[in-house]
């Protein structure tokens, strides 16, 4: 029977959480890329923006939790970035912008920072 220390289990849990976050951001980026290619009025655009909104709403909620162990300044910066993504996504959804490239680039930077 295997026995793991609490710190090993906790480290695995953090690694698993980061991996899930990377996977969600990758999926969001893939959807946004497809939407960019299809155009802002396509159904793919709505699907991509709604998915991105769900991901970032969840991430922002987690970042705002007092149980989140990231440094406070990093959490605040990530929340600000998330709020920008939500606002810019809404501009795209409303047809006032087609800034898929900005949404994709910022999402890639955040995803690539999850190491």
PDB file of N, CA and C in Angstrom:
ATOM      1  N   UNK A   1       0.846  -1.175   0.000  1.00  0.00           N
ATOM      2  CA  UNK A   1       0.000   0.000   0.000  1.00  0.00           C
ATOM      3  C   UNK A   1       0.892   1.239   0.000  1.00  0.00           C
ATOM      4  N   UNK A   2       0.508   2.211  -0.797  1.00  0.00           N
ATOM      5  CA  UNK A   2       1.277   3.444  -0.892  1.00  0.00           C
ATOM      6  C   UNK A   2       0.842   4.413   0.192  1.00  0.00           C
ATOM      7  N   UNK A   3       1.807   5.123   0.736  1.00  0.00           N
ATOM      8  CA  UNK A   3       1.498   6.180   1.685  1.00  0.00           C
ATOM      9  C   UNK A   3       2.151   7.454   1.172  1.00  0.00           C
ATOM     10  N   UNK A   4       1.360   8.500   1.119  1.00  0.00           N
ATOM     11  CA  UNK A   4       1.838   9.788   0.651  1.00  0.00           C
ATOM     12  C   UNK A   4       1.769  10.790   1.788  1.00  0.00           C
ATOM     13  N   UNK A   5       2.737  11.654   1.814  1.00  0.00           N
ATOM     14  CA  UNK A   5       2.677  12.716   2.807  1.00  0.00           C
ATOM     15  C   UNK A   5       1.644  13.744   2.361  1.00  0.00           C
ATOM     16  N   UNK A   6       1.149  14.505   3.312  1.00  0.00           N
ATOM     17  CA  UNK A   6       0.170  15.547   3.008  1.00  0.00           C
ATOM     18  C   UNK A   6       0.722  16.522   1.977  1.00  0.00           C
ATOM     19  N   UNK A   7       1.994  16.894   2.115  1.00  0.00           N
ATOM     20  CA  UNK A   7       2.588  17.865   1.186  1.00  0.00           C
ATOM     21  C   UNK A   7       2.646  17.305  -0.232  1.00  0.00           C
ATOM     22  N   UNK A   8       2.886  15.990  -0.374  1.00  0.00           N
ATOM     23  CA  UNK A   8       2.886  15.381  -1.712  1.00  0.00           C
ATOM     24  C   UNK A   8       1.497  15.409  -2.321  1.00  0.00           C
ATOM     25  N   UNK A   9       0.489  15.084  -1.539  1.00  0.00           N
ATOM     26  CA  UNK A   9      -0.882  15.099  -2.020  1.00  0.00           C
ATOM     27  C   UNK A   9      -1.300  16.517  -2.373  1.00  0.00           C
ATOM     28  N   UNK A  10      -0.945  17.466  -1.517  1.00  0.00           N
ATOM     29  CA  UNK A  10      -1.293  18.861  -1.766  1.00  0.00           C
ATOM     30  C   UNK A  10      -0.592  19.362  -3.029  1.00  0.00           C
ATOM     31  N   UNK A  11       0.665  19.016  -3.227  1.00  0.00           N
ATOM     32  CA  UNK A  11       1.394  19.422  -4.424  1.00  0.00           C
ATOM     33  C   UNK A  11       0.738  18.834  -5.660  1.00  0.00           C
ATOM     34  N   UNK A  12       0.347  17.558  -5.582  1.00  0.00           N
ATOM     35  CA  UNK A  12      -0.347  16.940  -6.703  1.00  0.00           C
ATOM     36  C   UNK A  12      -1.664  17.648  -6.988  1.00  0.00           C
ATOM     37  N   UNK A  13      -2.383  18.023  -5.938  1.00  0.00           N
ATOM     38  CA  UNK A  13      -3.658  18.704  -6.116  1.00  0.00           C
ATOM     39  C   UNK A  13      -3.467  20.047  -6.801  1.00  0.00           C
ATOM     40  N   UNK A  14      -2.438  20.786  -6.418  1.00  0.00           N
ATOM     41  CA  UNK A  14      -2.143  22.076  -7.051  1.00  0.00           C
ATOM     42  C   UNK A  14      -1.755  21.855  -8.508  1.00  0.00           C
ATOM     43  N   UNK A  15      -0.930  20.851  -8.757  1.00  0.00           N
ATOM     44  CA  UNK A  15      -0.520  20.544 -10.134  1.00  0.00           C
ATOM     45  C   UNK A  15      -1.731  20.133 -10.970  1.00  0.00           C
ATOM     46  N   UNK A  16      -2.611  19.327 -10.392  1.00  0.00           N
ATOM     47  CA  UNK A  16      -3.821  18.914 -11.103  1.00  0.00           C
ATOM     48  C   UNK A  16      -4.714  20.116 -11.407  1.00  0.00           C
ATOM     49  N   UNK A  17      -4.846  21.016 -10.443  1.00  0.00           N
ATOM     50  CA  UNK A  17      -5.678  22.208 -10.645  1.00  0.00           C
ATOM     51  C   UNK A  17      -5.095  23.083 -11.750  1.00  0.00           C
ATOM     52  N   UNK A  18      -3.780  23.279 -11.744  1.00  0.00           N
ATOM     53  CA  UNK A  18      -3.145  24.073 -12.798  1.00  0.00           C
ATOM     54  C   UNK A  18      -3.326  23.413 -14.160  1.00  0.00           C
ATOM     55  N   UNK A  19      -3.232  22.098 -14.203  1.00  0.00           N
ATOM     56  CA  UNK A  19      -3.419  21.380 -15.460  1.00  0.00           C
ATOM     57  C   UNK A  19      -4.847  21.562 -15.970  1.00  0.00           C
ATOM     58  N   UNK A  20      -5.818  21.475 -15.081  1.00  0.00           N
ATOM     59  CA  UNK A  20      -7.216  21.692 -15.488  1.00  0.00           C
ATOM     60  C   UNK A  20      -7.414  23.121 -15.990  1.00  0.00           C
ATOM     61  N   UNK A  21      -6.814  24.084 -15.305  1.00  0.00           N
ATOM     62  CA  UNK A  21      -6.923  25.477 -15.739  1.00  0.00           C
ATOM     63  C   UNK A  21      -6.285  25.663 -17.113  1.00  0.00           C
ATOM     64  N   UNK A  22      -5.128  25.045 -17.332  1.00  0.00           N
ATOM     65  CA  UNK A  22      -4.473  25.108 -18.656  1.00  0.00           C
ATOM     66  C   UNK A  22      -5.369  24.501 -19.731  1.00  0.00           C
ATOM     67  N   UNK A  23      -5.980  23.370 -19.410  1.00  0.00           N
ATOM     68  CA  UNK A  23      -6.861  22.708 -20.375  1.00  0.00           C
ATOM     69  C   UNK A  23      -8.067  23.592 -20.714  1.00  0.00           C
ATOM     70  N   UNK A  24      -8.655  24.219 -19.703  1.00  0.00           N
ATOM     71  CA  UNK A  24      -9.801  25.102 -19.942  1.00  0.00           C
ATOM     72  C   UNK A  24      -9.402  26.313 -20.775  1.00  0.00           C
ATOM     73  N   UNK A  25      -8.260  26.902 -20.458  1.00  0.00           N
ATOM     74  CA  UNK A  25      -7.806  28.051 -21.230  1.00  0.00           C
ATOM     75  C   UNK A  25      -7.459  27.655 -22.659  1.00  0.00           C
ATOM     76  N   UNK A  26      -6.877  26.476 -22.846  1.00  0.00           N
ATOM     77  CA  UNK A  26      -6.579  25.988 -24.196  1.00  0.00           C
ATOM     78  C   UNK A  26      -7.869  25.794 -24.977  1.00  0.00           C
ATOM     79  N   UNK A  27      -8.867  25.215 -24.346  1.00  0.00           N
ATOM     80  CA  UNK A  27     -10.166  25.027 -25.019  1.00  0.00           C
ATOM     81  C   UNK A  27     -10.766  26.381 -25.381  1.00  0.00           C
ATOM     82  N   UNK A  28     -10.688  27.333 -24.479  1.00  0.00           N
ATOM     83  CA  UNK A  28     -11.200  28.675 -24.741  1.00  0.00           C
ATOM     84  C   UNK A  28     -10.462  29.311 -25.918  1.00  0.00           C
ATOM     85  N   UNK A  29      -9.151  29.176 -25.953  1.00  0.00           N
ATOM     86  CA  UNK A  29      -8.348  29.724 -27.044  1.00  0.00           C
ATOM     87  C   UNK A  29      -8.730  29.069 -28.368  1.00  0.00           C
ATOM     88  N   UNK A  30      -8.912  27.759 -28.350  1.00  0.00           N
ATOM     89  CA  UNK A  30      -9.320  27.049 -29.570  1.00  0.00           C
ATOM     90  C   UNK A  30     -10.670  27.556 -30.078  1.00  0.00           C
ATOM     91  N   UNK A  31     -11.616  27.733 -29.166  1.00  0.00           N
ATOM     92  CA  UNK A  31     -12.939  28.241 -29.550  1.00  0.00           C
ATOM     93  C   UNK A  31     -12.849  29.667 -30.087  1.00  0.00           C
ATOM     94  N   UNK A  32     -12.047  30.498 -29.433  1.00  0.00           N
ATOM     95  CA  UNK A  32     -11.886  31.882 -29.890  1.00  0.00           C
ATOM     96  C   UNK A  32     -11.227  31.935 -31.265  1.00  0.00           C
ATOM     97  N   UNK A  33     -10.278  31.054 -31.516  1.00  0.00           N
ATOM     98  CA  UNK A  33      -9.617  31.000 -32.818  1.00  0.00           C
ATOM     99  C   UNK A  33     -10.607  30.598 -33.908  1.00  0.00           C
ATOM    100  N   UNK A  34     -11.415  29.595 -33.617  1.00  0.00           N
ATOM    101  CA  UNK A  34     -12.454  29.177 -34.566  1.00  0.00           C
ATOM    102  C   UNK A  34     -13.441  30.316 -34.805  1.00  0.00           C
ATOM    103  N   UNK A  35     -13.819  31.012 -33.746  1.00  0.00           N
ATOM    104  CA  UNK A  35     -14.762  32.135 -33.850  1.00  0.00           C
ATOM    105  C   UNK A  35     -14.168  33.262 -34.680  1.00  0.00           C
ATOM    106  N   UNK A  36     -12.896  33.573 -34.461  1.00  0.00           N
ATOM    107  CA  UNK A  36     -12.235  34.622 -35.236  1.00  0.00           C
ATOM    108  C   UNK A  36     -12.296  34.292 -36.725  1.00  0.00           C
ATOM    109  N   UNK A  37     -12.035  33.031 -37.050  1.00  0.00           N
ATOM    110  CA  UNK A  37     -12.042  32.610 -38.445  1.00  0.00           C
ATOM    111  C   UNK A  37     -13.446  32.617 -39.041  1.00  0.00           C
ATOM    112  N   UNK A  38     -14.450  32.340 -38.215  1.00  0.00           N
ATOM    113  CA  UNK A  38     -15.838  32.302 -38.688  1.00  0.00           C
ATOM    114  C   UNK A  38     -16.463  33.696 -38.761  1.00  0.00           C
ATOM    115  N   UNK A  39     -15.948  34.629 -37.977  1.00  0.00           N
ATOM    116  CA  UNK A  39     -16.482  35.988 -37.960  1.00  0.00           C
ATOM    117  C   UNK A  39     -17.305  36.267 -36.723  1.00  0.00           C
ATOM    118  N   UNK A  40     -17.385  37.545 -36.348  1.00  0.00           N
ATOM    119  CA  UNK A  40     -18.035  37.917 -35.090  1.00  0.00           C
ATOM    120  C   UNK A  40     -19.538  37.660 -35.048  1.00  0.00           C
ATOM    121  N   UNK A  41     -20.172  37.480 -36.195  1.00  0.00           N
ATOM    122  CA  UNK A  41     -21.622  37.246 -36.204  1.00  0.00           C
ATOM    123  C   UNK A  41     -21.987  35.769 -36.265  1.00  0.00           C
ATOM    124  N   UNK A  42     -20.990  34.910 -36.319  1.00  0.00           N
ATOM    125  CA  UNK A  42     -21.238  33.476 -36.416  1.00  0.00           C
ATOM    126  C   UNK A  42     -21.596  32.885 -35.055  1.00  0.00           C
ATOM    127  N   UNK A  43     -22.277  31.771 -35.097  1.00  0.00           N
ATOM    128  CA  UNK A  43     -22.620  31.067 -33.862  1.00  0.00           C
ATOM    129  C   UNK A  43     -21.401  30.663 -33.063  1.00  0.00           C
ATOM    130  N   UNK A  44     -20.302  30.397 -33.770  1.00  0.00           N
ATOM    131  CA  UNK A  44     -19.063  30.032 -33.086  1.00  0.00           C
ATOM    132  C   UNK A  44     -18.575  31.163 -32.183  1.00  0.00           C
ATOM    133  N   UNK A  45     -18.833  32.395 -32.576  1.00  0.00           N
ATOM    134  CA  UNK A  45     -18.411  33.538 -31.762  1.00  0.00           C
ATOM    135  C   UNK A  45     -19.173  33.558 -30.439  1.00  0.00           C
ATOM    136  N   UNK A  46     -20.457  33.341 -30.518  1.00  0.00           N
ATOM    137  CA  UNK A  46     -21.272  33.311 -29.297  1.00  0.00           C
ATOM    138  C   UNK A  46     -20.822  32.179 -28.389  1.00  0.00           C
ATOM    139  N   UNK A  47     -20.610  31.004 -28.962  1.00  0.00           N
ATOM    140  CA  UNK A  47     -20.167  29.854 -28.178  1.00  0.00           C
ATOM    141  C   UNK A  47     -18.830  30.141 -27.507  1.00  0.00           C
ATOM    142  N   UNK A  48     -17.894  30.723 -28.248  1.00  0.00           N
ATOM    143  CA  UNK A  48     -16.556  31.009 -27.706  1.00  0.00           C
ATOM    144  C   UNK A  48     -16.624  32.024 -26.573  1.00  0.00           C
ATOM    145  N   UNK A  49     -17.391  33.086 -26.766  1.00  0.00           N
ATOM    146  CA  UNK A  49     -17.490  34.127 -25.737  1.00  0.00           C
ATOM    147  C   UNK A  49     -18.166  33.578 -24.486  1.00  0.00           C
ATOM    148  N   UNK A  50     -19.221  32.811 -24.655  1.00  0.00           N
ATOM    149  CA  UNK A  50     -19.911  32.249 -23.484  1.00  0.00           C
ATOM    150  C   UNK A  50     -19.009  31.284 -22.720  1.00  0.00           C
ATOM    151  N   UNK A  51     -18.240  30.473 -23.444  1.00  0.00           N
ATOM    152  CA  UNK A  51     -17.313  29.556 -22.781  1.00  0.00           C
ATOM    153  C   UNK A  51     -16.249  30.342 -22.021  1.00  0.00           C
ATOM    154  N   UNK A  52     -15.661  31.337 -22.692  1.00  0.00           N
ATOM    155  CA  UNK A  52     -14.643  32.163 -22.051  1.00  0.00           C
ATOM    156  C   UNK A  52     -15.216  32.841 -20.802  1.00  0.00           C
ATOM    157  N   UNK A  53     -16.436  33.329 -20.885  1.00  0.00           N
ATOM    158  CA  UNK A  53     -17.078  33.972 -19.734  1.00  0.00           C
ATOM    159  C   UNK A  53     -17.215  33.004 -18.563  1.00  0.00           C
ATOM    160  N   UNK A  54     -17.630  31.774 -18.846  1.00  0.00           N
ATOM    161  CA  UNK A  54     -17.771  30.793 -17.762  1.00  0.00           C
ATOM    162  C   UNK A  54     -16.416  30.495 -17.120  1.00  0.00           C
ATOM    163  N   UNK A  55     -15.396  30.328 -17.948  1.00  0.00           N
ATOM    164  CA  UNK A  55     -14.056  30.044 -17.418  1.00  0.00           C
ATOM    165  C   UNK A  55     -13.587  31.185 -16.529  1.00  0.00           C
ATOM    166  N   UNK A  56     -13.665  32.420 -17.035  1.00  0.00           N
ATOM    167  CA  UNK A  56     -13.117  33.549 -16.285  1.00  0.00           C
ATOM    168  C   UNK A  56     -13.985  33.940 -15.100  1.00  0.00           C
ATOM    169  N   UNK A  57     -15.276  33.728 -15.183  1.00  0.00           N
ATOM    170  CA  UNK A  57     -16.125  33.984 -14.013  1.00  0.00           C
ATOM    171  C   UNK A  57     -15.724  33.045 -12.880  1.00  0.00           C
ATOM    172  N   UNK A  58     -15.473  31.796 -13.219  1.00  0.00           N
ATOM    173  CA  UNK A  58     -15.043  30.822 -12.218  1.00  0.00           C
ATOM    174  C   UNK A  58     -13.660  31.166 -11.673  1.00  0.00           C
ATOM    175  N   UNK A  59     -12.724  31.514 -12.569  1.00  0.00           N
ATOM    176  CA  UNK A  59     -11.375  31.865 -12.126  1.00  0.00           C
ATOM    177  C   UNK A  59     -11.386  33.107 -11.229  1.00  0.00           C
ATOM    178  N   UNK A  60     -12.155  34.112 -11.609  1.00  0.00           N
ATOM    179  CA  UNK A  60     -12.236  35.340 -10.806  1.00  0.00           C
ATOM    180  C   UNK A  60     -12.820  35.039  -9.426  1.00  0.00           C
ATOM    181  N   UNK A  61     -13.828  34.202  -9.404  1.00  0.00           N
ATOM    182  CA  UNK A  61     -14.425  33.820  -8.119  1.00  0.00           C
ATOM    183  C   UNK A  61     -13.394  33.125  -7.242  1.00  0.00           C
ATOM    184  N   UNK A  62     -12.632  32.212  -7.821  1.00  0.00           N
ATOM    185  CA  UNK A  62     -11.594  31.513  -7.067  1.00  0.00           C
ATOM    186  C   UNK A  62     -10.500  32.471  -6.615  1.00  0.00           C
ATOM    187  N   UNK A  63     -10.095  33.368  -7.495  1.00  0.00           N
ATOM    188  CA  UNK A  63      -9.037  34.328  -7.149  1.00  0.00           C
ATOM    189  C   UNK A  63      -9.472  35.275  -6.031  1.00  0.00           C
ATOM    190  N   UNK A  64     -10.755  35.552  -5.951  1.00  0.00           N
ATOM    191  CA  UNK A  64     -11.269  36.445  -4.918  1.00  0.00           C
ATOM    192  C   UNK A  64     -11.515  35.767  -3.591  1.00  0.00           C
ATOM    193  N   UNK A  65     -11.392  34.457  -3.566  1.00  0.00           N
ATOM    194  CA  UNK A  65     -11.638  33.706  -2.337  1.00  0.00           C
ATOM    195  C   UNK A  65     -10.504  33.916  -1.332  1.00  0.00           C
ATOM    196  N   UNK A  66     -10.849  34.099  -0.058  1.00  0.00           N
ATOM    197  CA  UNK A  66      -9.804  34.237   0.961  1.00  0.00           C
ATOM    198  C   UNK A  66      -8.973  32.960   1.117  1.00  0.00           C
ATOM    199  N   UNK A  67      -9.482  31.833   0.625  1.00  0.00           N
ATOM    200  CA  UNK A  67      -8.746  30.568   0.713  1.00  0.00           C
ATOM    201  C   UNK A  67      -7.689  30.439  -0.379  1.00  0.00           C
ATOM    202  N   UNK A  68      -7.720  31.315  -1.376  1.00  0.00           N
ATOM    203  CA  UNK A  68      -6.746  31.252  -2.461  1.00  0.00           C
ATOM    204  C   UNK A  68      -5.384  31.654  -1.917  1.00  0.00           C
ATOM    205  N   UNK A  69      -4.389  30.812  -2.160  1.00  0.00           N
ATOM    206  CA  UNK A  69      -3.070  31.016  -1.565  1.00  0.00           C
ATOM    207  C   UNK A  69      -2.095  31.775  -2.455  1.00  0.00           C
ATOM    208  N   UNK A  70      -2.523  32.210  -3.631  1.00  0.00           N
ATOM    209  CA  UNK A  70      -1.636  33.029  -4.457  1.00  0.00           C
ATOM    210  C   UNK A  70      -1.378  34.361  -3.758  1.00  0.00           C
ATOM    211  N   UNK A  71      -0.230  34.975  -4.039  1.00  0.00           N
ATOM    212  CA  UNK A  71       0.030  36.294  -3.461  1.00  0.00           C
ATOM    213  C   UNK A  71      -1.069  37.287  -3.844  1.00  0.00           C
ATOM    214  N   UNK A  72      -1.393  38.147  -2.901  1.00  0.00           N
ATOM    215  CA  UNK A  72      -2.515  39.080  -3.077  1.00  0.00           C
ATOM    216  C   UNK A  72      -2.363  39.939  -4.331  1.00  0.00           C
ATOM    217  N   UNK A  73      -1.155  40.441  -4.591  1.00  0.00           N
ATOM    218  CA  UNK A  73      -0.943  41.303  -5.761  1.00  0.00           C
ATOM    219  C   UNK A  73      -1.155  40.523  -7.054  1.00  0.00           C
ATOM    220  N   UNK A  74      -0.695  39.295  -7.114  1.00  0.00           N
ATOM    221  CA  UNK A  74      -0.897  38.459  -8.303  1.00  0.00           C
ATOM    222  C   UNK A  74      -2.376  38.190  -8.509  1.00  0.00           C
ATOM    223  N   UNK A  75      -3.075  37.871  -7.430  1.00  0.00           N
ATOM    224  CA  UNK A  75      -4.524  37.636  -7.535  1.00  0.00           C
ATOM    225  C   UNK A  75      -5.227  38.873  -8.071  1.00  0.00           C
ATOM    226  N   UNK A  76      -4.873  40.036  -7.553  1.00  0.00           N
ATOM    227  CA  UNK A  76      -5.503  41.288  -8.001  1.00  0.00           C
ATOM    228  C   UNK A  76      -5.227  41.527  -9.488  1.00  0.00           C
ATOM    229  N   UNK A  77      -3.995  41.273  -9.914  1.00  0.00           N
ATOM    230  CA  UNK A  77      -3.655  41.457 -11.329  1.00  0.00           C
ATOM    231  C   UNK A  77      -4.431  40.492 -12.216  1.00  0.00           C
ATOM    232  N   UNK A  78      -4.535  39.242 -11.794  1.00  0.00           N
ATOM    233  CA  UNK A  78      -5.278  38.259 -12.586  1.00  0.00           C
ATOM    234  C   UNK A  78      -6.774  38.583 -12.627  1.00  0.00           C
ATOM    235  N   UNK A  79      -7.309  39.083 -11.526  1.00  0.00           N
ATOM    236  CA  UNK A  79      -8.719  39.498 -11.519  1.00  0.00           C
ATOM    237  C   UNK A  79      -8.916  40.648 -12.501  1.00  0.00           C
ATOM    238  N   UNK A  80      -8.003  41.610 -12.513  1.00  0.00           N
ATOM    239  CA  UNK A  80      -8.104  42.736 -13.451  1.00  0.00           C
ATOM    240  C   UNK A  80      -8.061  42.254 -14.894  1.00  0.00           C
ATOM    241  N   UNK A  81      -7.168  41.324 -15.173  1.00  0.00           N
ATOM    242  CA  UNK A  81      -7.079  40.768 -16.527  1.00  0.00           C
ATOM    243  C   UNK A  81      -8.371  40.037 -16.876  1.00  0.00           C
ATOM    244  N   UNK A  82      -8.874  39.255 -15.942  1.00  0.00           N
ATOM    245  CA  UNK A  82     -10.127  38.532 -16.168  1.00  0.00           C
ATOM    246  C   UNK A  82     -11.293  39.467 -16.437  1.00  0.00           C
ATOM    247  N   UNK A  83     -11.360  40.556 -15.675  1.00  0.00           N
ATOM    248  CA  UNK A  83     -12.439  41.527 -15.893  1.00  0.00           C
ATOM    249  C   UNK A  83     -12.317  42.183 -17.264  1.00  0.00           C
ATOM    250  N   UNK A  84     -11.077  42.456 -17.699  1.00  0.00           N
ATOM    251  CA  UNK A  84     -10.885  43.001 -19.046  1.00  0.00           C
ATOM    252  C   UNK A  84     -11.375  42.005 -20.097  1.00  0.00           C
ATOM    253  N   UNK A  85     -11.011  40.727 -19.931  1.00  0.00           N
ATOM    254  CA  UNK A  85     -11.453  39.708 -20.878  1.00  0.00           C
ATOM    255  C   UNK A  85     -12.980  39.634 -20.928  1.00  0.00           C
ATOM    256  N   UNK A  86     -13.623  39.700 -19.778  1.00  0.00           N
ATOM    257  CA  UNK A  86     -15.088  39.660 -19.746  1.00  0.00           C
ATOM    258  C   UNK A  86     -15.687  40.880 -20.449  1.00  0.00           C
ATOM    259  N   UNK A  87     -15.139  42.061 -20.182  1.00  0.00           N
ATOM    260  CA  UNK A  87     -15.654  43.285 -20.830  1.00  0.00           C
ATOM    261  C   UNK A  87     -15.426  43.246 -22.338  1.00  0.00           C
ATOM    262  N   UNK A  88     -14.218  42.865 -22.738  1.00  0.00           N
ATOM    263  CA  UNK A  88     -13.899  42.822 -24.173  1.00  0.00           C
ATOM    264  C   UNK A  88     -14.727  41.743 -24.874  1.00  0.00           C
ATOM    265  N   UNK A  89     -14.924  40.623 -24.205  1.00  0.00           N
ATOM    266  CA  UNK A  89     -15.783  39.572 -24.761  1.00  0.00           C
ATOM    267  C   UNK A  89     -17.203  40.057 -24.957  1.00  0.00           C
ATOM    268  N   UNK A  90     -17.702  40.837 -24.026  1.00  0.00           N
ATOM    269  CA  UNK A  90     -19.055  41.398 -24.159  1.00  0.00           C
ATOM    270  C   UNK A  90     -19.118  42.376 -25.323  1.00  0.00           C
ATOM    271  N   UNK A  91     -18.066  43.164 -25.525  1.00  0.00           N
ATOM    272  CA  UNK A  91     -18.017  44.068 -26.680  1.00  0.00           C
ATOM    273  C   UNK A  91     -18.087  43.275 -27.984  1.00  0.00           C
ATOM    274  N   UNK A  92     -17.375  42.169 -28.041  1.00  0.00           N
ATOM    275  CA  UNK A  92     -17.419  41.311 -29.234  1.00  0.00           C
ATOM    276  C   UNK A  92     -18.812  40.721 -29.392  1.00  0.00           C
ATOM    277  N   UNK A  93     -19.367  40.208 -28.305  1.00  0.00           N
ATOM    278  CA  UNK A  93     -20.702  39.585 -28.361  1.00  0.00           C
ATOM    279  C   UNK A  93     -21.762  40.572 -28.818  1.00  0.00           C
ATOM    280  N   UNK A  94     -21.617  41.830 -28.405  1.00  0.00           N
ATOM    281  CA  UNK A  94     -22.594  42.869 -28.770  1.00  0.00           C
ATOM    282  C   UNK A  94     -22.348  43.431 -30.167  1.00  0.00           C
ATOM    283  N   UNK A  95     -21.281  42.985 -30.829  1.00  0.00           N
ATOM    284  CA  UNK A  95     -20.987  43.456 -32.176  1.00  0.00           C
ATOM    285  C   UNK A  95     -20.276  44.797 -32.225  1.00  0.00           C
ATOM    286  N   UNK A  96     -19.778  45.267 -31.093  1.00  0.00           N
ATOM    287  CA  UNK A  96     -19.072  46.552 -31.043  1.00  0.00           C
ATOM    288  C   UNK A  96     -17.561  46.391 -31.224  1.00  0.00           C
ATOM    289  N   UNK A  97     -17.103  45.153 -31.304  1.00  0.00           N
ATOM    290  CA  UNK A  97     -15.677  44.876 -31.462  1.00  0.00           C
ATOM    291  C   UNK A  97     -15.530  43.520 -32.144  1.00  0.00           C
ATOM    292  N   UNK A  98     -14.387  43.331 -32.766  1.00  0.00           N
ATOM    293  CA  UNK A  98     -14.046  42.007 -33.289  1.00  0.00           C
ATOM    294  C   UNK A  98     -12.646  41.622 -32.825  1.00  0.00           C
ATOM    295  N   UNK A  99     -12.323  42.003 -31.610  1.00  0.00           N
ATOM    296  CA  UNK A  99     -10.976  41.851 -31.053  1.00  0.00           C
ATOM    297  C   UNK A  99     -10.714  40.426 -30.547  1.00  0.00           C
ATOM    298  N   UNK A 100     -10.947  39.459 -31.408  1.00  0.00           N
ATOM    299  CA  UNK A 100     -10.633  38.082 -31.022  1.00  0.00           C
ATOM    300  C   UNK A 100      -9.140  37.914 -30.777  1.00  0.00           C
ATOM    301  N   UNK A 101      -8.322  38.603 -31.575  1.00  0.00           N
ATOM    302  CA  UNK A 101      -6.870  38.468 -31.414  1.00  0.00           C
ATOM    303  C   UNK A 101      -6.421  38.889 -30.021  1.00  0.00           C
ATOM    304  N   UNK A 102      -6.970  39.963 -29.491  1.00  0.00           N
ATOM    305  CA  UNK A 102      -6.626  40.399 -28.142  1.00  0.00           C
ATOM    306  C   UNK A 102      -7.043  39.382 -27.098  1.00  0.00           C
ATOM    307  N   UNK A 103      -8.248  38.844 -27.241  1.00  0.00           N
ATOM    308  CA  UNK A 103      -8.734  37.833 -26.303  1.00  0.00           C
ATOM    309  C   UNK A 103      -7.859  36.585 -26.354  1.00  0.00           C
ATOM    310  N   UNK A 104      -7.481  36.189 -27.558  1.00  0.00           N
ATOM    311  CA  UNK A 104      -6.642  35.004 -27.736  1.00  0.00           C
ATOM    312  C   UNK A 104      -5.257  35.236 -27.146  1.00  0.00           C
ATOM    313  N   UNK A 105      -4.653  36.370 -27.474  1.00  0.00           N
ATOM    314  CA  UNK A 105      -3.291  36.644 -27.018  1.00  0.00           C
ATOM    315  C   UNK A 105      -3.200  36.707 -25.500  1.00  0.00           C
ATOM    316  N   UNK A 106      -4.118  37.412 -24.870  1.00  0.00           N
ATOM    317  CA  UNK A 106      -4.093  37.523 -23.407  1.00  0.00           C
ATOM    318  C   UNK A 106      -4.333  36.158 -22.776  1.00  0.00           C
ATOM    319  N   UNK A 107      -5.258  35.394 -23.330  1.00  0.00           N
ATOM    320  CA  UNK A 107      -5.532  34.051 -22.793  1.00  0.00           C
ATOM    321  C   UNK A 107      -4.315  33.144 -22.931  1.00  0.00           C
ATOM    322  N   UNK A 108      -3.602  33.261 -24.055  1.00  0.00           N
ATOM    323  CA  UNK A 108      -2.394  32.449 -24.234  1.00  0.00           C
ATOM    324  C   UNK A 108      -1.311  32.830 -23.217  1.00  0.00           C
ATOM    325  N   UNK A 109      -1.165  34.108 -22.968  1.00  0.00           N
ATOM    326  CA  UNK A 109      -0.158  34.563 -21.995  1.00  0.00           C
ATOM    327  C   UNK A 109      -0.475  33.995 -20.607  1.00  0.00           C
ATOM    328  N   UNK A 110      -1.737  34.068 -20.216  1.00  0.00           N
ATOM    329  CA  UNK A 110      -2.131  33.551 -18.897  1.00  0.00           C
ATOM    330  C   UNK A 110      -1.935  32.043 -18.856  1.00  0.00           C
ATOM    331  N   UNK A 111      -2.406  31.347 -19.900  1.00  0.00           N
ATOM    332  CA  UNK A 111      -2.249  29.882 -19.926  1.00  0.00           C
ATOM    333  C   UNK A 111      -0.765  29.487 -19.854  1.00  0.00           C
ATOM    334  N   UNK A 112       0.062  30.158 -20.630  1.00  0.00           N
ATOM    335  CA  UNK A 112       1.482  29.798 -20.661  1.00  0.00           C
ATOM    336  C   UNK A 112       2.183  30.122 -19.343  1.00  0.00           C
ATOM    337  N   UNK A 113       1.613  31.003 -18.552  1.00  0.00           N
ATOM    338  CA  UNK A 113       2.168  31.324 -17.248  1.00  0.00           C
ATOM    339  C   UNK A 113       1.836  30.309 -16.172  1.00  0.00           C
ATOM    340  N   UNK A 114       0.932  29.403 -16.470  1.00  0.00           N
ATOM    341  CA  UNK A 114       0.536  28.363 -15.501  1.00  0.00           C
ATOM    342  C   UNK A 114       1.493  27.182 -15.583  1.00  0.00           C
ATOM    343  N   UNK A 115       2.620  27.325 -14.996  1.00  0.00           N
ATOM    344  CA  UNK A 115       3.618  26.245 -15.019  1.00  0.00           C
ATOM    345  C   UNK A 115       3.866  25.747 -13.634  1.00  0.00           C
TER     346      UNK A 115
END
